[in-house]
Amino acid sequence: MTKHRTYATGRRASESGQALVETALSLSLLVFTILGGADMARAFAAQLGVQNAARAGAEAWVTRAATTDAQAIAYATDELGRIAGVDAAAATITVTHTTGAGGESLVNVRVQYTYRTLAPWPFVPNTLSLDKTATFRNYP
């Protein structure tokens, strides 16, 4: 018969080591999940920021708050810069003017931004290309 060392709580020494290993594995999985969720939330916020920036630039043009393409781009850049972790200077913003099917004047603001994750995740791309265009009717 083999003797096992026991603690005052009645547990064997091998059971304490097992609990430590289980805790370490559980905590590492928990941290990994929390960081992955935070990165996904950042990507979603960047996506919304790109969409809002395109809308802000187009809205500034049609409300006459911006009278030049450069001013509309500045409005879009300012809106994108409000998102934490997004470098608005790294975005590509273009303004084009088109004519709709009914002859109406349209303004198109396109915002392109490349989102980068906080850490390189396995089996997941580390960059995400975000591209949104807002088209507003330009009333005379």
Protein backbone atom coordinates (compact mmCIF):
# COMPACT_ATOMS: atom_id res chain seq x y z
CA MET A 1 0.00 0.00 0.00
CA THR A 2 1.32 3.45 -0.95
CA LYS A 3 1.11 6.37 1.34
CA HIS A 4 0.05 9.76 0.00
CA ARG A 5 0.83 13.02 1.64
CA THR A 6 -2.35 14.78 2.70
CA TYR A 7 -3.04 18.32 3.86
CA ALA A 8 -5.10 19.41 6.84
CA THR A 9 -8.05 19.92 4.46
CA GLY A 10 -7.97 16.24 3.57
CA ARG A 11 -6.69 16.77 0.02
CA ARG A 12 -3.79 14.96 -1.48
CA ALA A 13 -0.75 16.89 -2.68
CA SER A 14 -1.38 15.81 -6.29
CA GLU A 15 -4.89 17.31 -6.19
CA SER A 16 -3.50 20.75 -5.26
CA GLY A 17 -1.17 20.67 -8.25
CA GLN A 18 -4.06 19.71 -10.50
CA ALA A 19 -6.11 22.67 -9.27
CA LEU A 20 -3.21 25.01 -9.97
CA VAL A 21 -2.85 23.73 -13.53
CA GLU A 22 -6.61 23.99 -14.13
CA THR A 23 -6.62 27.57 -12.84
CA ALA A 24 -3.69 28.54 -15.06
CA LEU A 25 -5.36 27.06 -18.15
CA SER A 26 -8.71 28.65 -17.34
CA LEU A 27 -7.21 32.09 -16.72
CA SER A 28 -5.20 32.04 -19.93
CA LEU A 29 -8.31 31.10 -21.91
CA LEU A 30 -10.28 33.85 -20.16
CA VAL A 31 -7.65 36.51 -20.92
CA PHE A 32 -7.43 35.35 -24.55
CA THR A 33 -11.22 35.62 -24.90
CA ILE A 34 -11.39 39.07 -23.31
CA LEU A 35 -8.62 40.47 -25.51
CA GLY A 36 -10.19 38.96 -28.62
CA GLY A 37 -13.53 40.51 -27.72
CA ALA A 38 -11.90 43.88 -27.15
CA ASP A 39 -10.21 43.70 -30.55
CA MET A 40 -13.53 42.83 -32.20
CA ALA A 41 -15.17 45.77 -30.44
CA ARG A 42 -12.41 48.08 -31.69
CA ALA A 43 -12.94 46.83 -35.26
CA PHE A 44 -16.68 47.46 -34.97
CA ALA A 45 -16.06 50.98 -33.62
CA ALA A 46 -13.64 51.69 -36.49
CA GLN A 47 -16.24 50.45 -38.99
CA LEU A 48 -18.86 52.80 -37.52
CA GLY A 49 -16.33 55.63 -37.50
CA VAL A 50 -15.57 55.17 -41.20
CA GLN A 51 -19.28 55.13 -42.02
CA ASN A 52 -19.95 58.24 -39.91
CA ALA A 53 -16.99 60.06 -41.45
CA ALA A 54 -18.34 59.47 -44.95
CA ARG A 55 -21.75 60.73 -43.89
CA ALA A 56 -20.28 63.78 -42.13
CA GLY A 57 -18.33 64.82 -45.22
CA ALA A 58 -21.32 64.43 -47.52
CA GLU A 59 -23.64 66.18 -45.08
CA ALA A 60 -21.23 69.10 -44.73
CA TRP A 61 -21.25 69.51 -48.50
CA VAL A 62 -25.03 69.42 -49.01
CA THR A 63 -25.75 71.72 -46.05
CA ARG A 64 -23.21 74.20 -47.42
CA ALA A 65 -21.07 73.95 -44.28
CA ALA A 66 -18.30 72.92 -46.68
CA THR A 67 -18.01 74.77 -49.97
CA THR A 68 -14.93 72.97 -51.28
CA ASP A 69 -13.88 69.35 -51.49
CA ALA A 70 -11.01 70.06 -49.08
CA GLN A 71 -13.45 71.35 -46.46
CA ALA A 72 -15.67 68.27 -46.86
CA ILE A 73 -12.58 66.08 -46.42
CA ALA A 74 -11.69 68.06 -43.28
CA TYR A 75 -15.18 67.40 -41.85
CA ALA A 76 -14.82 63.68 -42.58
CA THR A 77 -11.31 63.57 -41.09
CA ASP A 78 -12.51 65.36 -37.97
CA GLU A 79 -15.36 62.86 -37.52
CA LEU A 80 -13.04 59.88 -38.00
CA GLY A 81 -10.55 61.33 -35.53
CA ARG A 82 -13.15 61.09 -32.75
CA ILE A 83 -12.85 57.31 -32.67
CA ALA A 84 -10.31 56.07 -30.12
CA GLY A 85 -7.47 54.09 -31.66
CA VAL A 86 -8.18 55.25 -35.23
CA ASP A 87 -5.51 57.30 -37.00
CA ALA A 88 -7.59 59.66 -39.16
CA ALA A 89 -4.49 60.80 -41.03
CA ALA A 90 -4.02 57.26 -42.36
CA ALA A 91 -7.46 57.25 -44.01
CA THR A 92 -8.01 57.95 -47.69
CA ILE A 93 -10.95 60.29 -48.22
CA THR A 94 -12.22 61.27 -51.67
CA VAL A 95 -15.08 63.51 -52.75
CA THR A 96 -16.71 63.12 -56.16
CA HIS A 97 -19.67 64.84 -57.77
CA THR A 98 -22.03 62.93 -60.04
CA THR A 99 -25.38 63.36 -61.70
CA GLY A 100 -28.21 60.99 -60.78
CA ALA A 101 -30.62 59.27 -63.14
CA GLY A 102 -33.12 62.11 -62.79
CA GLY A 103 -30.52 64.80 -63.44
CA GLU A 104 -30.06 65.66 -59.77
CA SER A 105 -26.64 66.65 -58.43
CA LEU A 106 -25.08 64.09 -56.08
CA VAL A 107 -22.05 64.28 -53.82
CA ASN A 108 -20.18 61.08 -52.95
CA VAL A 109 -17.72 60.89 -50.06
CA ARG A 110 -15.65 57.71 -49.84
CA VAL A 111 -13.60 56.86 -46.77
CA GLN A 112 -11.07 54.01 -46.84
CA TYR A 113 -9.19 52.89 -43.74
CA THR A 114 -7.09 49.85 -42.87
CA TYR A 115 -7.77 48.58 -39.36
CA ARG A 116 -4.98 46.71 -37.57
CA THR A 117 -5.53 44.39 -34.61
CA LEU A 118 -3.81 44.95 -31.28
CA ALA A 119 -2.00 41.61 -31.51
CA PRO A 120 -1.48 39.05 -34.27
CA TRP A 121 -4.22 36.48 -33.73
CA PRO A 122 -3.83 32.93 -34.98
CA PHE A 123 -6.10 31.97 -37.88
CA VAL A 124 -7.47 35.52 -38.12
CA PRO A 125 -6.32 38.27 -40.52
CA ASN A 126 -4.41 41.04 -38.73
CA THR A 127 -5.74 43.80 -41.00
CA LEU A 128 -9.23 44.69 -42.14
CA SER A 129 -9.97 47.03 -45.04
CA LEU A 130 -12.87 49.31 -44.20
CA ASP A 131 -14.44 51.16 -47.13
CA LYS A 132 -17.65 53.18 -46.96
CA THR A 133 -19.24 55.63 -49.40
CA ALA A 134 -22.02 58.07 -48.55
CA THR A 135 -24.05 59.58 -51.40
CA PHE A 136 -26.24 62.59 -50.69
CA ARG A 137 -28.41 64.62 -53.01
CA ASN A 138 -27.14 68.17 -53.42
CA TYR A 139 -30.16 70.46 -53.46
CA PRO A 140 -29.79 73.81 -55.23
